[in-house]
Amino acid sequence: AMLMAHGGFVLADNVPANEFMNLEGSKQSKSKGHAIYLRDVLGKFNPDSIRYAIASNMPENKDTDFYWEDLQAKNNNELGSILGNFVNRTFVFNEKYFEGKVPPLGRLEQIDSNIIEGLKSYIPRIADYYKNYKFKDALGETMTLVRDANKYFNDTEPWKAVKENKERCGTIINICLQLCHTFAILFNPV
């Protein structure tokens, strides 16, 4: 009613609700001092890391627990070791061998086609999860795609390809850069 009275706003057509997120096995209680305060958390942690940890553990269908160790593990093992590792290797390699410019996409081999087709199959699913407010599932699928990208990087061995066939290496790095761009879009809602 307030939005309609003010005018010019898009009215909500779906209001998702979640279950409860407990804090380390107990219900949060401000009066008992067992709670997380936004001002304290933002002073110590990057907001993106916090959003990722919460969204990947959202109480969408049942109560869940927030653990500080889980925040650390998700930041180190997922954002750092999986996503960060792939992005860093791609950009460092691109800078070192292609002067930071996107190399041309050459002839595709089967392994290239497989990662591209895999990407095409993931995107509609991930988009559907976001559309239906299933952030946990969207992030899970996105991280699986990032794992596939890491496997692609390892299996194509661009460090060998650059010595044997720089054009082939350029195709590999082109695809990896496209994957990095896709990840930026897929993680953007979080």
Foldseek 3Di string as FASTA:
>chain_A
DVDVVVDDDDDDPDDADFEAEDEPPHRADVVVVRDDDPVVDVVPDDPLLVVVLCLLQPRRPHYYYDYPVSSVCCVCVQVCVQVVVLVVVLQVVCCVQVVSDQFDADDDDPLLVVLVVVVVVLVVVLVVCVVVVNSSVNVVSLSVNSNSLVVSCVVQVLVVCCVVPVNSSSNNSNSSVVSNVVSCVSSVVD
